C-alpha atoms as a PDB file:
ATOM      1  CA  MET A   1     216.106 170.725  76.022  1.00  0.00           C
ATOM      2  CA  ASP A   2     213.340 168.316  76.137  1.00  0.00           C
ATOM      3  CA  THR A   3     211.409 167.691  79.359  1.00  0.00           C
ATOM      4  CA  TYR A   4     208.792 165.297  80.267  1.00  0.00           C
ATOM      5  CA  TYR A   5     206.475 168.146  81.033  1.00  0.00           C
ATOM      6  CA  ASN A   6     205.576 170.336  78.167  1.00  0.00           C
ATOM      7  CA  PRO A   7     203.508 173.205  78.763  1.00  0.00           C
ATOM      8  CA  ALA A   8     202.014 172.959  75.284  1.00  0.00           C
ATOM      9  CA  ASP A   9     200.373 169.813  75.994  1.00  0.00           C
ATOM     10  CA  LEU A  10     197.841 171.290  78.421  1.00  0.00           C
ATOM     11  CA  ALA A  11     196.097 172.723  75.188  1.00  0.00           C
ATOM     12  CA  LYS A  12     195.659 168.811  74.208  1.00  0.00           C
ATOM     13  CA  PHE A  13     193.585 168.015  77.303  1.00  0.00           C
ATOM     14  CA  SER A  14     190.419 168.296  75.547  1.00  0.00           C
ATOM     15  CA  LYS A  15     191.655 165.377  73.132  1.00  0.00           C
ATOM     16  CA  ILE A  16     192.048 162.827  75.978  1.00  0.00           C
ATOM     17  CA  GLY A  17     189.145 161.114  74.422  1.00  0.00           C
ATOM     18  CA  GLY A  18     191.271 159.970  71.546  1.00  0.00           C
ATOM     19  CA  PHE A  19     191.300 156.391  72.716  1.00  0.00           C
ATOM     20  CA  GLN A  20     188.180 155.995  74.676  1.00  0.00           C
ATOM     21  CA  PRO A  21     185.808 158.895  73.815  1.00  0.00           C
ATOM     22  CA  GLU A  22     182.874 157.555  75.986  1.00  0.00           C
ATOM     23  CA  LEU A  23     184.937 157.604  78.877  1.00  0.00           C
ATOM     24  CA  ALA A  24     186.137 161.262  78.074  1.00  0.00           C
ATOM     25  CA  GLU A  25     182.606 162.328  77.447  1.00  0.00           C
ATOM     26  CA  LYS A  26     181.751 161.223  80.887  1.00  0.00           C
ATOM     27  CA  PHE A  27     184.647 162.777  82.625  1.00  0.00           C
ATOM     28  CA  PHE A  28     183.933 166.217  80.642  1.00  0.00           C
ATOM     29  CA  ALA A  29     180.316 166.003  81.612  1.00  0.00           C
ATOM     30  CA  TYR A  30     181.130 165.707  85.347  1.00  0.00           C
ATOM     31  CA  TYR A  31     184.070 168.116  85.222  1.00  0.00           C
ATOM     32  CA  GLY A  32     182.241 171.067  83.880  1.00  0.00           C
ATOM     33  CA  PRO A  33     179.513 171.216  86.460  1.00  0.00           C
ATOM     34  CA  VAL A  34     181.900 170.678  89.316  1.00  0.00           C
ATOM     35  CA  PHE A  35     183.201 173.943  88.374  1.00  0.00           C
ATOM     36  CA  ALA A  36     179.966 175.861  88.006  1.00  0.00           C
ATOM     37  CA  GLU A  37     178.488 178.261  90.533  1.00  0.00           C
ATOM     38  CA  GLY A  38     176.851 176.538  93.436  1.00  0.00           C
ATOM     39  CA  ALA A  39     177.379 176.399  97.178  1.00  0.00           C
ATOM     40  CA  LEU A  40     180.853 177.665  96.441  1.00  0.00           C
ATOM     41  CA  THR A  41     181.640 180.384  93.850  1.00  0.00           C
ATOM     42  CA  ALA A  42     183.508 179.653  90.746  1.00  0.00           C
ATOM     43  CA  ARG A  43     186.384 182.011  92.186  1.00  0.00           C
ATOM     44  CA  GLU A  44     186.395 179.709  95.509  1.00  0.00           C
ATOM     45  CA  LYS A  45     186.388 176.491  93.512  1.00  0.00           C
ATOM     46  CA  SER A  46     189.399 177.807  91.478  1.00  0.00           C
ATOM     47  CA  LEU A  47     191.411 178.558  94.559  1.00  0.00           C
ATOM     48  CA  ILE A  48     190.699 175.017  95.775  1.00  0.00           C
ATOM     49  CA  ALA A  49     191.604 173.601  92.606  1.00  0.00           C
ATOM     50  CA  LEU A  50     194.991 175.650  92.501  1.00  0.00           C
ATOM     51  CA  ALA A  51     195.682 174.273  96.064  1.00  0.00           C
ATOM     52  CA  VAL A  52     194.854 170.690  95.179  1.00  0.00           C
ATOM     53  CA  SER A  53     196.930 171.108  92.038  1.00  0.00           C
ATOM     54  CA  HIS A  54     200.111 171.697  94.085  1.00  0.00           C
ATOM     55  CA  ALA A  55     199.171 168.975  96.642  1.00  0.00           C
ATOM     56  CA  VAL A  56     198.851 166.502  93.787  1.00  0.00           C
ATOM     57  CA  GLN A  57     201.926 168.248  91.937  1.00  0.00           C
ATOM     58  CA  CYS A  58     200.301 168.410  88.409  1.00  0.00           C
ATOM     59  CA  PRO A  59     202.216 171.054  86.670  1.00  0.00           C
ATOM     60  CA  TYR A  60     199.430 171.500  83.921  1.00  0.00           C
ATOM     61  CA  CYS A  61     196.924 171.977  86.620  1.00  0.00           C
ATOM     62  CA  ILE A  62     199.172 174.457  88.242  1.00  0.00           C
ATOM     63  CA  ASP A  63     199.386 176.311  84.999  1.00  0.00           C
ATOM     64  CA  ALA A  64     195.723 176.143  84.257  1.00  0.00           C
ATOM     65  CA  TYR A  65     194.542 177.086  87.812  1.00  0.00           C
ATOM     66  CA  THR A  66     197.113 179.933  88.254  1.00  0.00           C
ATOM     67  CA  ALA A  67     195.681 181.406  85.029  1.00  0.00           C
ATOM     68  CA  ASP A  68     191.941 180.803  86.015  1.00  0.00           C
ATOM     69  CA  THR A  69     192.267 182.225  89.581  1.00  0.00           C
ATOM     70  CA  LEU A  70     193.986 185.355  88.127  1.00  0.00           C
ATOM     71  CA  GLU A  71     191.153 185.566  85.617  1.00  0.00           C
ATOM     72  CA  LYS A  72     188.670 185.274  88.569  1.00  0.00           C
ATOM     73  CA  GLY A  73     190.108 188.209  90.079  1.00  0.00           C
ATOM     74  CA  CYS A  74     192.302 186.187  92.924  1.00  0.00           C
ATOM     75  CA  SER A  75     195.290 188.239  94.276  1.00  0.00           C
ATOM     76  CA  GLU A  76     198.856 186.681  94.567  1.00  0.00           C
ATOM     77  CA  PRO A  77     198.597 186.539  98.481  1.00  0.00           C
ATOM     78  CA  GLU A  78     195.287 184.668  98.125  1.00  0.00           C
ATOM     79  CA  MET A  79     196.610 182.245  95.827  1.00  0.00           C
ATOM     80  CA  MET A  80     199.863 181.575  97.903  1.00  0.00           C
ATOM     81  CA  GLU A  81     197.654 181.456 101.118  1.00  0.00           C
ATOM     82  CA  ALA A  82     195.504 178.580  99.374  1.00  0.00           C
ATOM     83  CA  VAL A  83     198.974 176.765  98.437  1.00  0.00           C
ATOM     84  CA  HIS A  84     199.989 177.149 102.072  1.00  0.00           C
ATOM     85  CA  VAL A  85     196.737 175.399 103.226  1.00  0.00           C
ATOM     86  CA  ALA A  86     197.534 172.486 100.720  1.00  0.00           C
ATOM     87  CA  ALA A  87     200.976 172.327 102.040  1.00  0.00           C
ATOM     88  CA  ALA A  88     199.815 172.183 105.629  1.00  0.00           C
ATOM     89  CA  ILE A  89     197.414 169.387 104.834  1.00  0.00           C
ATOM     90  CA  ARG A  90     199.960 167.511 102.824  1.00  0.00           C
ATOM     91  CA  GLY A  91     202.461 167.686 105.635  1.00  0.00           C
ATOM     92  CA  GLY A  92     200.104 166.787 108.277  1.00  0.00           C
ATOM     93  CA  ALA A  93     198.945 163.861 106.166  1.00  0.00           C
ATOM     94  CA  THR A  94     202.494 162.673 106.102  1.00  0.00           C
ATOM     95  CA  LEU A  95     203.149 163.271 109.915  1.00  0.00           C
ATOM     96  CA  VAL A  96     199.942 161.586 110.973  1.00  0.00           C
ATOM     97  CA  HIS A  97     201.283 158.479 109.157  1.00  0.00           C
ATOM     98  CA  SER A  98     204.190 158.270 111.672  1.00  0.00           C
ATOM     99  CA  VAL A  99     201.737 156.931 114.081  1.00  0.00           C
ATOM    100  CA  GLN A 100     201.592 153.846 112.099  1.00  0.00           C
ATOM    101  CA  MET A 101     205.408 153.714 112.291  1.00  0.00           C
ATOM    102  CA  MET A 102     205.432 154.255 116.129  1.00  0.00           C
ATOM    103  CA  ASN A 103     202.864 151.415 116.570  1.00  0.00           C
ATOM    104  CA  LYS A 104     205.030 149.189 114.403  1.00  0.00           C
ATOM    105  CA  VAL A 105     208.188 150.189 116.344  1.00  0.00           C
ATOM    106  CA  LYS A 106     206.541 149.268 119.619  1.00  0.00           C
ATOM    107  CA  ALA A 107     205.044 145.971 118.394  1.00  0.00           C
ATOM    108  CA  LEU A 108     208.706 144.844 117.086  1.00  0.00           C
ATOM    109  CA  SER A 109     210.297 146.105 120.193  1.00  0.00           C
ATOM    110  CA  MET A 110     208.041 143.834 122.564  1.00  0.00           C
END
């Protein structure tokens, strides 16, 4: 059964410069250092990436950062907790926009 998402395509990520190599080079020049040790550890950055991957619903990123967090010694409870943080932020972001709806309802009801 064919699906839009093909896990094998993740391995092709390094080839995204096929049509515009100069932009891909700039992206990878940025991407690599972002995940290097800094104020945050590479392990912490991987957990953040895993959480964000779920928030933006990128199956390729979820696969990649699930593997990466495991390689960096993260436990399943830590990984799930990170995903719950992302879910709370995403849910909160949805709910806070209800203020706009309530403001509009009040404006139209006047």
